[in-house]
Amino acid sequence: MGRIVHFEIHVDDMDRAKSFYGEVFGWTYEDWSDFAGMPYFGVVTGGDDQPGINGALMQRQGPSPEPNQPVNGYACTMGVEDYDTIEAKILDKGGVVALPKYALPGMAWQGYYKDTEGNIFGVHQPDENAK
């Protein structure tokens, strides 16, 4: 099987992106720029005792996504415990709503946002009472 083992988020401003994801989701970073030959920071999204994968922030190699452009790649979705608290942090740190919070009835709350680099990502809070 081809299980996802790593992700890369393309960014224009590395410091701004590191600050955004670090402050919103608590991610930490390891500088792998020497290995990659460009600004490239490994992302630690959680402990080895939690489900999920780690990835990287990498320097964008082309133009930024245009407004209203279809997603050209994968949208990563982050699992959270408190959707509303995370949404407030996203908006406070410069993110914007791409698709407002909605219920996946009987399963979860879901929504999509644009980060400070114009990338779309999802937020998912499991909740059996979501309606």
Protein backbone atom coordinates (compact mmCIF):
# COMPACT_ATOMS: atom_id res chain seq x y z
CA MET A 1 0.00 0.00 0.00
CA GLY A 2 1.06 3.60 -0.54
CA ARG A 3 0.44 5.07 2.91
CA ILE A 4 1.20 8.77 3.31
CA VAL A 5 4.37 9.11 5.40
CA HIS A 6 5.36 12.77 4.87
CA PHE A 7 3.83 16.05 3.70
CA GLU A 8 5.29 19.29 2.37
CA ILE A 9 3.66 22.71 2.59
CA HIS A 10 5.05 25.19 0.07
CA VAL A 11 5.59 28.66 1.58
CA ASP A 12 6.65 32.11 0.42
CA ASP A 13 7.82 33.44 3.81
CA MET A 14 9.37 30.68 5.95
CA ASP A 15 9.41 32.63 9.22
CA ARG A 16 5.81 33.72 8.79
CA ALA A 17 4.66 30.15 8.00
CA LYS A 18 6.63 28.66 10.91
CA SER A 19 5.08 31.19 13.25
CA PHE A 20 1.56 30.55 11.93
CA TYR A 21 1.63 26.74 12.22
CA GLY A 22 3.69 26.77 15.41
CA GLU A 23 1.34 29.15 17.22
CA VAL A 24 -1.91 27.64 15.90
CA PHE A 25 -1.12 23.91 16.13
CA GLY A 26 1.96 23.77 18.37
CA TRP A 27 4.22 22.36 15.63
CA THR A 28 8.00 22.39 16.15
CA TYR A 29 10.70 22.45 13.49
CA GLU A 30 14.05 20.98 12.57
CA ASP A 31 16.23 22.80 10.02
CA TRP A 32 16.91 20.42 7.11
CA SER A 33 17.95 23.19 4.69
CA ASP A 34 21.48 21.81 4.23
CA PHE A 35 20.07 18.46 3.08
CA ALA A 36 17.49 20.01 0.74
CA GLY A 37 19.67 22.78 -0.70
CA MET A 38 16.93 25.35 -0.01
CA PRO A 39 14.99 26.66 3.00
CA TYR A 40 13.37 23.44 4.27
CA PHE A 41 12.18 22.82 7.83
CA GLY A 42 11.06 19.43 9.08
CA VAL A 43 7.75 19.65 10.94
CA VAL A 44 7.04 17.65 14.10
CA THR A 45 3.24 17.57 14.47
CA GLY A 46 3.04 15.44 17.61
CA GLY A 47 4.56 12.66 19.65
CA ASP A 48 5.33 9.18 18.39
CA ASP A 49 2.59 7.91 20.70
CA GLN A 50 -0.10 9.76 18.66
CA PRO A 51 -1.51 8.85 15.24
CA GLY A 52 -0.46 11.12 12.41
CA ILE A 53 2.53 12.03 10.28
CA ASN A 54 5.25 14.63 10.26
CA GLY A 55 6.26 16.68 7.26
CA ALA A 56 8.02 19.86 6.20
CA LEU A 57 7.69 23.49 5.23
CA MET A 58 9.61 24.12 2.01
CA GLN A 59 10.41 27.28 0.07
CA ARG A 60 7.88 27.70 -2.74
CA GLN A 61 9.53 27.17 -6.14
CA GLY A 62 6.95 28.99 -8.27
CA PRO A 63 4.10 31.48 -8.05
CA SER A 64 1.73 31.49 -5.09
CA PRO A 65 -1.80 30.10 -5.51
CA GLU A 66 -4.18 32.66 -7.03
CA PRO A 67 -7.45 33.55 -5.27
CA ASN A 68 -10.37 31.30 -6.33
CA GLN A 69 -7.97 28.84 -7.99
CA PRO A 70 -8.88 25.17 -7.58
CA VAL A 71 -6.68 23.28 -5.15
CA ASN A 72 -3.60 22.10 -7.03
CA GLY A 73 -2.32 19.42 -4.68
CA TYR A 74 -3.41 17.84 -1.43
CA ALA A 75 -5.24 19.64 1.34
CA CYS A 76 -3.86 18.49 4.70
CA THR A 77 -6.44 18.27 7.49
CA MET A 78 -5.46 18.67 11.14
CA GLY A 79 -7.34 16.85 13.86
CA VAL A 80 -8.14 19.12 16.83
CA GLU A 81 -9.88 18.81 20.18
CA ASP A 82 -11.56 22.25 20.18
CA TYR A 83 -12.53 23.56 16.74
CA ASP A 84 -13.63 27.03 17.86
CA THR A 85 -10.44 27.72 19.81
CA ILE A 86 -8.28 26.66 16.86
CA GLU A 87 -10.36 28.74 14.43
CA ALA A 88 -9.85 31.81 16.64
CA LYS A 89 -6.08 31.21 16.60
CA ILE A 90 -6.08 30.73 12.81
CA LEU A 91 -7.88 34.03 12.25
CA ASP A 92 -5.76 35.85 14.85
CA LYS A 93 -2.54 34.69 13.18
CA GLY A 94 -3.54 35.81 9.69
CA GLY A 95 -5.39 32.80 8.30
CA VAL A 96 -8.75 33.24 6.56
CA VAL A 97 -11.85 31.07 6.18
CA ALA A 98 -12.00 29.19 2.87
CA LEU A 99 -15.05 27.03 3.71
CA PRO A 100 -16.83 27.72 7.02
CA LYS A 101 -17.26 25.14 9.76
CA TYR A 102 -19.91 22.55 8.94
CA ALA A 103 -21.19 19.33 10.49
CA LEU A 104 -20.40 15.86 9.26
CA PRO A 105 -23.56 14.57 10.98
CA GLY A 106 -22.87 12.11 13.75
CA MET A 107 -19.12 12.26 13.13
CA ALA A 108 -17.33 15.62 13.32
CA TRP A 109 -17.01 19.32 12.65
CA GLN A 110 -15.02 20.22 9.53
CA GLY A 111 -13.88 23.42 7.84
CA TYR A 112 -11.16 24.78 5.57
CA TYR A 113 -8.85 27.78 5.82
CA LYS A 114 -6.12 29.55 3.88
CA ASP A 115 -2.83 29.93 5.72
CA THR A 116 -0.60 33.00 5.52
CA GLU A 117 0.95 31.57 2.33
CA GLY A 118 -2.34 31.07 0.44
CA ASN A 119 -2.45 27.29 0.99
CA ILE A 120 -5.71 25.56 1.91
CA PHE A 121 -5.85 23.23 4.92
CA GLY A 122 -8.63 21.55 6.86
CA VAL A 123 -9.60 21.41 10.53
CA HIS A 124 -11.46 18.38 11.88
CA GLN A 125 -12.91 17.93 15.37
CA PRO A 126 -14.48 14.51 16.06
CA ASP A 127 -17.94 14.95 17.63
CA GLU A 128 -20.66 12.29 17.50
CA ASN A 129 -23.22 15.05 18.31
CA ALA A 130 -22.36 17.20 15.27
CA LYS A 131 -25.53 18.16 13.36
